[in-house]
PDB file of N, CA and C in Angstrom:
ATOM      1  N   MET A   1      57.106  65.650 104.139  1.00  0.00           N
ATOM      2  CA  MET A   1      56.187  65.460 105.223  1.00  0.00           C
ATOM      3  C   MET A   1      56.745  66.132 106.478  1.00  0.00           C
ATOM      4  N   LYS A   2      56.128  67.206 106.891  1.00  0.00           N
ATOM      5  CA  LYS A   2      56.604  67.969 108.034  1.00  0.00           C
ATOM      6  C   LYS A   2      55.992  67.433 109.323  1.00  0.00           C
ATOM      7  N   ALA A   3      56.796  67.465 110.367  1.00  0.00           N
ATOM      8  CA  ALA A   3      56.319  67.138 111.705  1.00  0.00           C
ATOM      9  C   ALA A   3      56.925  68.153 112.654  1.00  0.00           C
ATOM     10  N   ARG A   4      56.156  68.573 113.646  1.00  0.00           N
ATOM     11  CA  ARG A   4      56.661  69.586 114.555  1.00  0.00           C
ATOM     12  C   ARG A   4      56.385  69.211 116.000  1.00  0.00           C
ATOM     13  N   ALA A   5      57.148  69.838 116.875  1.00  0.00           N
ATOM     14  CA  ALA A   5      56.955  69.669 118.310  1.00  0.00           C
ATOM     15  C   ALA A   5      57.168  71.029 118.968  1.00  0.00           C
ATOM     16  N   VAL A   6      56.394  71.294 120.003  1.00  0.00           N
ATOM     17  CA  VAL A   6      56.480  72.568 120.709  1.00  0.00           C
ATOM     18  C   VAL A   6      56.630  72.288 122.201  1.00  0.00           C
ATOM     19  N   ALA A   7      57.648  72.880 122.791  1.00  0.00           N
ATOM     20  CA  ALA A   7      57.821  72.825 124.248  1.00  0.00           C
ATOM     21  C   ALA A   7      57.440  74.201 124.781  1.00  0.00           C
ATOM     22  N   ARG A   8      56.434  74.243 125.602  1.00  0.00           N
ATOM     23  CA  ARG A   8      55.937  75.531 126.078  1.00  0.00           C
ATOM     24  C   ARG A   8      56.302  75.740 127.548  1.00  0.00           C
ATOM     25  N   TYR A   9      56.424  76.987 127.920  1.00  0.00           N
ATOM     26  CA  TYR A   9      56.697  77.419 129.293  1.00  0.00           C
ATOM     27  C   TYR A   9      58.001  76.838 129.842  1.00  0.00           C
ATOM     28  N   VAL A  10      59.029  76.784 129.018  1.00  0.00           N
ATOM     29  CA  VAL A  10      60.341  76.321 129.468  1.00  0.00           C
ATOM     30  C   VAL A  10      60.954  77.436 130.309  1.00  0.00           C
ATOM     31  N   ARG A  11      61.382  77.116 131.522  1.00  0.00           N
ATOM     32  CA  ARG A  11      61.867  78.140 132.449  1.00  0.00           C
ATOM     33  C   ARG A  11      63.308  78.538 132.144  1.00  0.00           C
ATOM     34  N   MET A  12      63.471  79.181 131.017  1.00  0.00           N
ATOM     35  CA  MET A  12      64.773  79.653 130.583  1.00  0.00           C
ATOM     36  C   MET A  12      64.528  80.851 129.672  1.00  0.00           C
ATOM     37  N   SER A  13      65.398  81.817 129.721  1.00  0.00           N
ATOM     38  CA  SER A  13      65.144  83.012 128.926  1.00  0.00           C
ATOM     39  C   SER A  13      65.318  82.714 127.438  1.00  0.00           C
ATOM     40  N   PRO A  14      64.479  83.298 126.599  1.00  0.00           N
ATOM     41  CA  PRO A  14      64.541  83.042 125.156  1.00  0.00           C
ATOM     42  C   PRO A  14      65.895  83.399 124.549  1.00  0.00           C
ATOM     43  N   ARG A  15      66.531  84.407 125.079  1.00  0.00           N
ATOM     44  CA  ARG A  15      67.830  84.824 124.550  1.00  0.00           C
ATOM     45  C   ARG A  15      68.866  83.706 124.683  1.00  0.00           C
ATOM     46  N   LYS A  16      68.847  82.993 125.800  1.00  0.00           N
ATOM     47  CA  LYS A  16      69.792  81.895 126.022  1.00  0.00           C
ATOM     48  C   LYS A  16      69.448  80.683 125.154  1.00  0.00           C
ATOM     49  N   VAL A  17      68.157  80.408 125.003  1.00  0.00           N
ATOM     50  CA  VAL A  17      67.730  79.246 124.215  1.00  0.00           C
ATOM     51  C   VAL A  17      68.015  79.469 122.737  1.00  0.00           C
ATOM     52  N   ARG A  18      67.873  80.701 122.264  1.00  0.00           N
ATOM     53  CA  ARG A  18      68.118  80.997 120.844  1.00  0.00           C
ATOM     54  C   ARG A  18      69.548  80.705 120.433  1.00  0.00           C
ATOM     55  N   LEU A  19      70.502  80.851 121.352  1.00  0.00           N
ATOM     56  CA  LEU A  19      71.895  80.538 121.049  1.00  0.00           C
ATOM     57  C   LEU A  19      72.055  79.076 120.638  1.00  0.00           C
ATOM     58  N   VAL A  20      71.321  78.189 121.296  1.00  0.00           N
ATOM     59  CA  VAL A  20      71.400  76.757 121.001  1.00  0.00           C
ATOM     60  C   VAL A  20      70.592  76.425 119.750  1.00  0.00           C
ATOM     61  N   VAL A  21      69.410  77.003 119.626  1.00  0.00           N
ATOM     62  CA  VAL A  21      68.524  76.709 118.500  1.00  0.00           C
ATOM     63  C   VAL A  21      69.159  77.139 117.184  1.00  0.00           C
ATOM     64  N   ASP A  22      69.892  78.257 117.207  1.00  0.00           N
ATOM     65  CA  ASP A  22      70.546  78.739 115.992  1.00  0.00           C
ATOM     66  C   ASP A  22      71.594  77.756 115.478  1.00  0.00           C
ATOM     67  N   GLN A  23      72.167  76.953 116.366  1.00  0.00           N
ATOM     68  CA  GLN A  23      73.202  75.994 115.970  1.00  0.00           C
ATOM     69  C   GLN A  23      72.643  74.790 115.218  1.00  0.00           C
ATOM     70  N   ILE A  24      71.391  74.411 115.486  1.00  0.00           N
ATOM     71  CA  ILE A  24      70.850  73.193 114.864  1.00  0.00           C
ATOM     72  C   ILE A  24      69.961  73.470 113.659  1.00  0.00           C
ATOM     73  N   ARG A  25      69.569  74.713 113.448  1.00  0.00           N
ATOM     74  CA  ARG A  25      68.670  75.036 112.337  1.00  0.00           C
ATOM     75  C   ARG A  25      69.327  74.702 111.003  1.00  0.00           C
ATOM     76  N   GLY A  26      68.617  73.925 110.167  1.00  0.00           N
ATOM     77  CA  GLY A  26      69.111  73.561 108.845  1.00  0.00           C
ATOM     78  C   GLY A  26      69.991  72.322 108.820  1.00  0.00           C
ATOM     79  N   LYS A  27      70.321  71.760 109.962  1.00  0.00           N
ATOM     80  CA  LYS A  27      71.195  70.593 110.032  1.00  0.00           C
ATOM     81  C   LYS A  27      70.362  69.312 109.931  1.00  0.00           C
ATOM     82  N   SER A  28      71.031  68.202 109.599  1.00  0.00           N
ATOM     83  CA  SER A  28      70.349  66.906 109.636  1.00  0.00           C
ATOM     84  C   SER A  28      70.083  66.553 111.101  1.00  0.00           C
ATOM     85  N   VAL A  29      69.134  65.674 111.326  1.00  0.00           N
ATOM     86  CA  VAL A  29      68.738  65.338 112.690  1.00  0.00           C
ATOM     87  C   VAL A  29      69.898  64.695 113.450  1.00  0.00           C
ATOM     88  N   ASN A  30      70.637  63.803 112.806  1.00  0.00           N
ATOM     89  CA  ASN A  30      71.761  63.152 113.483  1.00  0.00           C
ATOM     90  C   ASN A  30      72.843  64.158 113.852  1.00  0.00           C
ATOM     91  N   GLU A  31      73.107  65.108 112.972  1.00  0.00           N
ATOM     92  CA  GLU A  31      74.097  66.145 113.258  1.00  0.00           C
ATOM     93  C   GLU A  31      73.618  67.037 114.406  1.00  0.00           C
ATOM     94  N   ALA A  32      72.325  67.341 114.417  1.00  0.00           N
ATOM     95  CA  ALA A  32      71.751  68.162 115.487  1.00  0.00           C
ATOM     96  C   ALA A  32      71.856  67.444 116.828  1.00  0.00           C
ATOM     97  N   TYR A  33      71.605  66.120 116.837  1.00  0.00           N
ATOM     98  CA  TYR A  33      71.755  65.348 118.072  1.00  0.00           C
ATOM     99  C   TYR A  33      73.178  65.452 118.608  1.00  0.00           C
ATOM    100  N   GLY A  34      74.157  65.341 117.715  1.00  0.00           N
ATOM    101  CA  GLY A  34      75.556  65.428 118.121  1.00  0.00           C
ATOM    102  C   GLY A  34      75.906  66.796 118.692  1.00  0.00           C
ATOM    103  N   ILE A  35      75.430  67.845 118.049  1.00  0.00           N
ATOM    104  CA  ILE A  35      75.692  69.211 118.526  1.00  0.00           C
ATOM    105  C   ILE A  35      75.102  69.408 119.919  1.00  0.00           C
ATOM    106  N   LEU A  36      73.871  68.940 120.113  1.00  0.00           N
ATOM    107  CA  LEU A  36      73.205  69.127 121.402  1.00  0.00           C
ATOM    108  C   LEU A  36      73.837  68.272 122.499  1.00  0.00           C
ATOM    109  N   GLN A  37      74.282  67.092 122.145  1.00  0.00           N
ATOM    110  CA  GLN A  37      74.856  66.188 123.135  1.00  0.00           C
ATOM    111  C   GLN A  37      76.134  66.770 123.741  1.00  0.00           C
ATOM    112  N   TYR A  38      76.945  67.444 122.920  1.00  0.00           N
ATOM    113  CA  TYR A  38      78.217  67.959 123.396  1.00  0.00           C
ATOM    114  C   TYR A  38      78.208  69.454 123.691  1.00  0.00           C
ATOM    115  N   SER A  39      77.038  70.061 123.683  1.00  0.00           N
ATOM    116  CA  SER A  39      76.927  71.475 124.002  1.00  0.00           C
ATOM    117  C   SER A  39      77.001  71.672 125.519  1.00  0.00           C
ATOM    118  N   LYS A  40      77.687  72.723 125.929  1.00  0.00           N
ATOM    119  CA  LYS A  40      77.806  73.025 127.356  1.00  0.00           C
ATOM    120  C   LYS A  40      76.626  73.848 127.865  1.00  0.00           C
ATOM    121  N   LYS A  41      75.808  74.342 126.980  1.00  0.00           N
ATOM    122  CA  LYS A  41      74.691  75.207 127.346  1.00  0.00           C
ATOM    123  C   LYS A  41      73.591  74.406 128.042  1.00  0.00           C
ATOM    124  N   GLY A  42      72.985  75.005 129.043  1.00  0.00           N
ATOM    125  CA  GLY A  42      71.887  74.355 129.754  1.00  0.00           C
ATOM    126  C   GLY A  42      70.647  74.209 128.887  1.00  0.00           C
ATOM    127  N   ALA A  43      70.511  75.080 127.905  1.00  0.00           N
ATOM    128  CA  ALA A  43      69.342  75.049 127.024  1.00  0.00           C
ATOM    129  C   ALA A  43      69.369  73.867 126.074  1.00  0.00           C
ATOM    130  N   ALA A  44      70.510  73.180 125.963  1.00  0.00           N
ATOM    131  CA  ALA A  44      70.615  72.046 125.047  1.00  0.00           C
ATOM    132  C   ALA A  44      69.670  70.909 125.454  1.00  0.00           C
ATOM    133  N   GLU A  45      69.394  70.782 126.735  1.00  0.00           N
ATOM    134  CA  GLU A  45      68.519  69.701 127.210  1.00  0.00           C
ATOM    135  C   GLU A  45      67.067  69.876 126.742  1.00  0.00           C
ATOM    136  N   PRO A  46      66.409  71.018 127.005  1.00  0.00           N
ATOM    137  CA  PRO A  46      65.030  71.157 126.516  1.00  0.00           C
ATOM    138  C   PRO A  46      64.927  71.202 124.989  1.00  0.00           C
ATOM    139  N   VAL A  47      65.945  71.747 124.310  1.00  0.00           N
ATOM    140  CA  VAL A  47      65.925  71.776 122.845  1.00  0.00           C
ATOM    141  C   VAL A  47      66.052  70.345 122.308  1.00  0.00           C
ATOM    142  N   GLY A  48      66.928  69.544 122.912  1.00  0.00           N
ATOM    143  CA  GLY A  48      67.079  68.143 122.503  1.00  0.00           C
ATOM    144  C   GLY A  48      65.810  67.344 122.731  1.00  0.00           C
ATOM    145  N   LYS A  49      65.160  67.609 123.823  1.00  0.00           N
ATOM    146  CA  LYS A  49      63.902  66.922 124.135  1.00  0.00           C
ATOM    147  C   LYS A  49      62.827  67.258 123.103  1.00  0.00           C
ATOM    148  N   THR A  50      62.777  68.519 122.708  1.00  0.00           N
ATOM    149  CA  THR A  50      61.817  68.962 121.695  1.00  0.00           C
ATOM    150  C   THR A  50      62.142  68.348 120.339  1.00  0.00           C
ATOM    151  N   LEU A  51      63.424  68.262 120.002  1.00  0.00           N
ATOM    152  CA  LEU A  51      63.845  67.652 118.743  1.00  0.00           C
ATOM    153  C   LEU A  51      63.474  66.172 118.703  1.00  0.00           C
ATOM    154  N   ARG A  52      63.711  65.463 119.804  1.00  0.00           N
ATOM    155  CA  ARG A  52      63.335  64.036 119.857  1.00  0.00           C
ATOM    156  C   ARG A  52      61.832  63.859 119.696  1.00  0.00           C
ATOM    157  N   SER A  53      61.065  64.773 120.274  1.00  0.00           N
ATOM    158  CA  SER A  53      59.614  64.717 120.145  1.00  0.00           C
ATOM    159  C   SER A  53      59.175  64.947 118.705  1.00  0.00           C
ATOM    160  N   ALA A  54      59.824  65.891 118.015  1.00  0.00           N
ATOM    161  CA  ALA A  54      59.487  66.166 116.615  1.00  0.00           C
ATOM    162  C   ALA A  54      59.806  64.965 115.733  1.00  0.00           C
ATOM    163  N   VAL A  55      60.926  64.294 115.997  1.00  0.00           N
ATOM    164  CA  VAL A  55      61.299  63.094 115.230  1.00  0.00           C
ATOM    165  C   VAL A  55      60.286  61.976 115.478  1.00  0.00           C
ATOM    166  N   ALA A  56      59.877  61.804 116.728  1.00  0.00           N
ATOM    167  CA  ALA A  56      58.873  60.784 117.050  1.00  0.00           C
ATOM    168  C   ALA A  56      57.549  61.100 116.363  1.00  0.00           C
ATOM    169  N   ASN A  57      57.183  62.378 116.321  1.00  0.00           N
ATOM    170  CA  ASN A  57      55.961  62.782 115.632  1.00  0.00           C
ATOM    171  C   ASN A  57      56.051  62.478 114.139  1.00  0.00           C
ATOM    172  N   ALA A  58      57.237  62.656 113.550  1.00  0.00           N
ATOM    173  CA  ALA A  58      57.439  62.361 112.130  1.00  0.00           C
ATOM    174  C   ALA A  58      57.286  60.869 111.859  1.00  0.00           C
ATOM    175  N   GLN A  59      57.805  60.052 112.770  1.00  0.00           N
ATOM    176  CA  GLN A  59      57.696  58.599 112.586  1.00  0.00           C
ATOM    177  C   GLN A  59      56.247  58.132 112.681  1.00  0.00           C
ATOM    178  N   VAL A  60      55.510  58.670 113.639  1.00  0.00           N
ATOM    179  CA  VAL A  60      54.100  58.302 113.788  1.00  0.00           C
ATOM    180  C   VAL A  60      53.295  58.773 112.582  1.00  0.00           C
ATOM    181  N   LYS A  61      53.592  59.984 112.133  1.00  0.00           N
ATOM    182  CA  LYS A  61      52.887  60.542 110.982  1.00  0.00           C
ATOM    183  C   LYS A  61      53.153  59.722 109.721  1.00  0.00           C
ATOM    184  N   SER A  62      54.403  59.235 109.574  1.00  0.00           N
ATOM    185  CA  SER A  62      54.742  58.445 108.393  1.00  0.00           C
ATOM    186  C   SER A  62      54.086  57.065 108.445  1.00  0.00           C
ATOM    187  N   GLN A  63      53.949  56.499 109.645  1.00  0.00           N
ATOM    188  CA  GLN A  63      53.276  55.206 109.776  1.00  0.00           C
ATOM    189  C   GLN A  63      51.803  55.325 109.408  1.00  0.00           C
ATOM    190  N   ASP A  64      51.192  56.442 109.795  1.00  0.00           N
ATOM    191  CA  ASP A  64      49.783  56.655 109.475  1.00  0.00           C
ATOM    192  C   ASP A  64      49.559  56.808 107.975  1.00  0.00           C
ATOM    193  N   SER A  65      50.523  57.437 107.285  1.00  0.00           N
ATOM    194  CA  SER A  65      50.369  57.647 105.844  1.00  0.00           C
ATOM    195  C   SER A  65      50.801  56.437 105.036  1.00  0.00           C
ATOM    196  N   GLY A  66      51.569  55.533 105.650  1.00  0.00           N
ATOM    197  CA  GLY A  66      51.988  54.317 104.961  1.00  0.00           C
ATOM    198  C   GLY A  66      53.407  54.355 104.431  1.00  0.00           C
ATOM    199  N   ALA A  67      53.981  55.539 104.244  1.00  0.00           N
ATOM    200  CA  ALA A  67      55.354  55.643 103.753  1.00  0.00           C
ATOM    201  C   ALA A  67      56.277  55.857 104.952  1.00  0.00           C
ATOM    202  N   LEU A  68      57.109  54.874 105.253  1.00  0.00           N
ATOM    203  CA  LEU A  68      57.988  54.970 106.409  1.00  0.00           C
ATOM    204  C   LEU A  68      59.137  55.937 106.129  1.00  0.00           C
ATOM    205  N   VAL A  69      59.435  56.775 107.095  1.00  0.00           N
ATOM    206  CA  VAL A  69      60.522  57.736 106.956  1.00  0.00           C
ATOM    207  C   VAL A  69      61.698  57.271 107.816  1.00  0.00           C
ATOM    208  N   ASP A  70      62.902  57.440 107.286  1.00  0.00           N
ATOM    209  CA  ASP A  70      64.109  57.066 107.999  1.00  0.00           C
ATOM    210  C   ASP A  70      64.635  58.291 108.749  1.00  0.00           C
ATOM    211  N   ILE A  71      65.154  58.086 109.949  1.00  0.00           N
ATOM    212  CA  ILE A  71      65.663  59.202 110.748  1.00  0.00           C
ATOM    213  C   ILE A  71      66.824  59.893 110.033  1.00  0.00           C
ATOM    214  N   ASP A  72      67.607  59.109 109.279  1.00  0.00           N
ATOM    215  CA  ASP A  72      68.755  59.681 108.563  1.00  0.00           C
ATOM    216  C   ASP A  72      68.323  60.655 107.469  1.00  0.00           C
ATOM    217  N   ASP A  73      67.083  60.573 107.028  1.00  0.00           N
ATOM    218  CA  ASP A  73      66.591  61.441 105.963  1.00  0.00           C
ATOM    219  C   ASP A  73      65.902  62.701 106.484  1.00  0.00           C
ATOM    220  N   LEU A  74      65.864  62.881 107.809  1.00  0.00           N
ATOM    221  CA  LEU A  74      65.180  64.042 108.373  1.00  0.00           C
ATOM    222  C   LEU A  74      66.135  65.215 108.568  1.00  0.00           C
ATOM    223  N   VAL A  75      65.609  66.420 108.342  1.00  0.00           N
ATOM    224  CA  VAL A  75      66.367  67.656 108.479  1.00  0.00           C
ATOM    225  C   VAL A  75      65.559  68.621 109.341  1.00  0.00           C
ATOM    226  N   VAL A  76      66.252  69.415 110.161  1.00  0.00           N
ATOM    227  CA  VAL A  76      65.581  70.435 110.967  1.00  0.00           C
ATOM    228  C   VAL A  76      65.282  71.611 110.040  1.00  0.00           C
ATOM    229  N   ARG A  77      64.056  71.709 109.564  1.00  0.00           N
ATOM    230  CA  ARG A  77      63.667  72.774 108.629  1.00  0.00           C
ATOM    231  C   ARG A  77      63.503  74.107 109.341  1.00  0.00           C
ATOM    232  N   GLN A  78      62.795  74.082 110.454  1.00  0.00           N
ATOM    233  CA  GLN A  78      62.564  75.308 111.216  1.00  0.00           C
ATOM    234  C   GLN A  78      62.843  75.027 112.683  1.00  0.00           C
ATOM    235  N   ALA A  79      63.392  76.003 113.340  1.00  0.00           N
ATOM    236  CA  ALA A  79      63.583  75.928 114.788  1.00  0.00           C
ATOM    237  C   ALA A  79      63.601  77.358 115.292  1.00  0.00           C
ATOM    238  N   TYR A  80      62.679  77.685 116.167  1.00  0.00           N
ATOM    239  CA  TYR A  80      62.619  79.049 116.669  1.00  0.00           C
ATOM    240  C   TYR A  80      62.114  79.064 118.099  1.00  0.00           C
ATOM    241  N   VAL A  81      62.366  80.185 118.758  1.00  0.00           N
ATOM    242  CA  VAL A  81      62.012  80.342 120.168  1.00  0.00           C
ATOM    243  C   VAL A  81      61.186  81.614 120.310  1.00  0.00           C
ATOM    244  N   ASP A  82      60.030  81.478 120.925  1.00  0.00           N
ATOM    245  CA  ASP A  82      59.182  82.632 121.226  1.00  0.00           C
ATOM    246  C   ASP A  82      59.203  82.881 122.725  1.00  0.00           C
ATOM    247  N   GLU A  83      58.903  84.108 123.097  1.00  0.00           N
ATOM    248  CA  GLU A  83      58.890  84.455 124.508  1.00  0.00           C
ATOM    249  C   GLU A  83      57.563  84.043 125.133  1.00  0.00           C
ATOM    250  N   GLY A  84      57.640  83.400 126.278  1.00  0.00           N
ATOM    251  CA  GLY A  84      56.450  83.013 127.022  1.00  0.00           C
ATOM    252  C   GLY A  84      56.139  84.066 128.081  1.00  0.00           C
ATOM    253  N   PRO A  85      55.209  83.772 128.962  1.00  0.00           N
ATOM    254  CA  PRO A  85      54.884  84.725 130.017  1.00  0.00           C
ATOM    255  C   PRO A  85      56.044  84.883 131.008  1.00  0.00           C
ATOM    256  N   THR A  86      56.167  86.053 131.567  1.00  0.00           N
ATOM    257  CA  THR A  86      57.236  86.348 132.517  1.00  0.00           C
ATOM    258  C   THR A  86      56.688  86.320 133.934  1.00  0.00           C
ATOM    259  N   LEU A  87      57.351  85.553 134.801  1.00  0.00           N
ATOM    260  CA  LEU A  87      56.986  85.542 136.217  1.00  0.00           C
ATOM    261  C   LEU A  87      57.653  86.737 136.874  1.00  0.00           C
ATOM    262  N   ARG A  88      56.888  87.510 137.613  1.00  0.00           N
ATOM    263  CA  ARG A  88      57.450  88.707 138.241  1.00  0.00           C
ATOM    264  C   ARG A  88      57.592  88.467 139.744  1.00  0.00           C
ATOM    265  N   ARG A  89      58.802  88.636 140.231  1.00  0.00           N
ATOM    266  CA  ARG A  89      59.106  88.458 141.643  1.00  0.00           C
ATOM    267  C   ARG A  89      59.790  89.724 142.146  1.00  0.00           C
ATOM    268  N   TRP A  90      59.927  89.834 143.469  1.00  0.00           N
ATOM    269  CA  TRP A  90      60.535  91.029 144.053  1.00  0.00           C
ATOM    270  C   TRP A  90      61.682  90.633 144.956  1.00  0.00           C
ATOM    271  N   ARG A  91      62.746  91.393 144.918  1.00  0.00           N
ATOM    272  CA  ARG A  91      63.918  91.155 145.753  1.00  0.00           C
ATOM    273  C   ARG A  91      64.083  92.347 146.703  1.00  0.00           C
ATOM    274  N   ALA A  92      64.352  92.040 147.964  1.00  0.00           N
ATOM    275  CA  ALA A  92      64.540  93.099 148.957  1.00  0.00           C
ATOM    276  C   ALA A  92      65.840  93.847 148.677  1.00  0.00           C
ATOM    277  N   ARG A  93      65.790  95.159 148.784  1.00  0.00           N
ATOM    278  CA  ARG A  93      66.968  95.995 148.585  1.00  0.00           C
ATOM    279  C   ARG A  93      67.191  96.870 149.820  1.00  0.00           C
ATOM    280  N   ALA A  94      68.154  97.726 149.743  1.00  0.00           N
ATOM    281  CA  ALA A  94      68.504  98.557 150.890  1.00  0.00           C
ATOM    282  C   ALA A  94      67.403  99.559 151.226  1.00  0.00           C
ATOM    283  N   GLN A  95      67.326  99.916 152.501  1.00  0.00           N
ATOM    284  CA  GLN A  95      66.419 100.941 153.023  1.00  0.00           C
ATOM    285  C   GLN A  95      64.947 100.632 152.747  1.00  0.00           C
ATOM    286  N   GLY A  96      64.582  99.364 152.832  1.00  0.00           N
ATOM    287  CA  GLY A  96      63.182  98.977 152.719  1.00  0.00           C
ATOM    288  C   GLY A  96      62.622  98.979 151.320  1.00  0.00           C
ATOM    289  N   ARG A  97      63.460  99.134 150.333  1.00  0.00           N
ATOM    290  CA  ARG A  97      62.975  99.152 148.953  1.00  0.00           C
ATOM    291  C   ARG A  97      62.929  97.734 148.387  1.00  0.00           C
ATOM    292  N   ALA A  98      62.337  97.629 147.208  1.00  0.00           N
ATOM    293  CA  ALA A  98      62.279  96.343 146.505  1.00  0.00           C
ATOM    294  C   ALA A  98      62.579  96.592 145.034  1.00  0.00           C
ATOM    295  N   SER A  99      63.247  95.636 144.407  1.00  0.00           N
ATOM    296  CA  SER A  99      63.495  95.753 142.964  1.00  0.00           C
ATOM    297  C   SER A  99      62.945  94.506 142.285  1.00  0.00           C
ATOM    298  N   PRO A 100      62.460  94.657 141.053  1.00  0.00           N
ATOM    299  CA  PRO A 100      61.819  93.526 140.384  1.00  0.00           C
ATOM    300  C   PRO A 100      62.831  92.512 139.856  1.00  0.00           C
ATOM    301  N   ILE A 101      62.406  91.253 139.857  1.00  0.00           N
ATOM    302  CA  ILE A 101      63.139  90.173 139.192  1.00  0.00           C
ATOM    303  C   ILE A 101      62.183  89.587 138.173  1.00  0.00           C
ATOM    304  N   ARG A 102      62.631  89.476 136.926  1.00  0.00           N
ATOM    305  CA  ARG A 102      61.797  88.895 135.874  1.00  0.00           C
ATOM    306  C   ARG A 102      62.309  87.504 135.543  1.00  0.00           C
ATOM    307  N   LYS A 103      61.501  86.511 135.814  1.00  0.00           N
ATOM    308  CA  LYS A 103      61.856  85.126 135.496  1.00  0.00           C
ATOM    309  C   LYS A 103      61.173  84.784 134.177  1.00  0.00           C
ATOM    310  N   ARG A 104      61.951  84.737 133.121  1.00  0.00           N
ATOM    311  CA  ARG A 104      61.400  84.604 131.779  1.00  0.00           C
ATOM    312  C   ARG A 104      61.178  83.144 131.404  1.00  0.00           C
ATOM    313  N   THR A 105      60.213  82.930 130.503  1.00  0.00           N
ATOM    314  CA  THR A 105      59.941  81.590 129.985  1.00  0.00           C
ATOM    315  C   THR A 105      59.993  81.623 128.465  1.00  0.00           C
ATOM    316  N   SER A 106      60.120  80.430 127.874  1.00  0.00           N
ATOM    317  CA  SER A 106      60.262  80.306 126.427  1.00  0.00           C
ATOM    318  C   SER A 106      59.302  79.267 125.880  1.00  0.00           C
ATOM    319  N   HIS A 107      58.949  79.432 124.617  1.00  0.00           N
ATOM    320  CA  HIS A 107      58.229  78.417 123.855  1.00  0.00           C
ATOM    321  C   HIS A 107      59.161  77.998 122.720  1.00  0.00           C
ATOM    322  N   ILE A 108      59.594  76.732 122.730  1.00  0.00           N
ATOM    323  CA  ILE A 108      60.535  76.230 121.722  1.00  0.00           C
ATOM    324  C   ILE A 108      59.757  75.435 120.677  1.00  0.00           C
ATOM    325  N   THR A 109      59.952  75.743 119.397  1.00  0.00           N
ATOM    326  CA  THR A 109      59.297  75.030 118.301  1.00  0.00           C
ATOM    327  C   THR A 109      60.356  74.469 117.364  1.00  0.00           C
ATOM    328  N   VAL A 110      60.246  73.169 117.067  1.00  0.00           N
ATOM    329  CA  VAL A 110      61.160  72.502 116.130  1.00  0.00           C
ATOM    330  C   VAL A 110      60.321  71.799 115.069  1.00  0.00           C
ATOM    331  N   VAL A 111      60.634  72.049 113.790  1.00  0.00           N
ATOM    332  CA  VAL A 111      59.943  71.422 112.667  1.00  0.00           C
ATOM    333  C   VAL A 111      60.961  70.604 111.879  1.00  0.00           C
ATOM    334  N   VAL A 112      60.679  69.303 111.723  1.00  0.00           N
ATOM    335  CA  VAL A 112      61.555  68.439 110.918  1.00  0.00           C
ATOM    336  C   VAL A 112      60.817  68.033 109.648  1.00  0.00           C
ATOM    337  N   ASP A 113      61.609  67.796 108.593  1.00  0.00           N
ATOM    338  CA  ASP A 113      61.052  67.437 107.296  1.00  0.00           C
ATOM    339  C   ASP A 113      62.034  66.496 106.624  1.00  0.00           C
ATOM    340  N   ALA A 114      61.538  65.726 105.659  1.00  0.00           N
ATOM    341  CA  ALA A 114      62.407  64.812 104.911  1.00  0.00           C
ATOM    342  C   ALA A 114      63.316  65.598 103.988  1.00  0.00           C
ATOM    343  N   LYS A 115      64.530  65.060 103.758  1.00  0.00           N
ATOM    344  CA  LYS A 115      65.485  65.687 102.850  1.00  0.00           C
ATOM    345  C   LYS A 115      64.918  65.715 101.448  1.00  0.00           C
ATOM    346  N   GLU A 116      65.218  66.771 100.725  1.00  0.00           N
ATOM    347  CA  GLU A 116      64.815  66.835  99.314  1.00  0.00           C
ATOM    348  C   GLU A 116      65.982  66.345  98.473  1.00  0.00           C
ATOM    349  N   PHE A 117      65.743  65.338  97.659  1.00  0.00           N
ATOM    350  CA  PHE A 117      66.835  64.751  96.853  1.00  0.00           C
ATOM    351  C   PHE A 117      66.890  65.363  95.479  1.00  0.00           C
TER     352      PHE A 117
END
């Protein structure tokens, strides 16, 4: 039983978020929580929030179907980051010129599923 959560328009570049997402892909949910809790990366916070949302979605989905799922039996099946829209800003430079600043956003997707025994 798959459950997913998507965090959209996260104000962090996809390249930075992918470093964190790559660490939790394929891990059990409890192991992923531990990795995110002790990660020094700033992206660990929005990824952890998305993971908690996916687990909550799995619990609600299992209650609706009647078969309760245990958090210990959940695994991060898929986790990926897509690029969101880029905010374009301008920074003043020498001699009246301007150079662009690109403020990138990310869409984080986490899919959890029950362990296969």
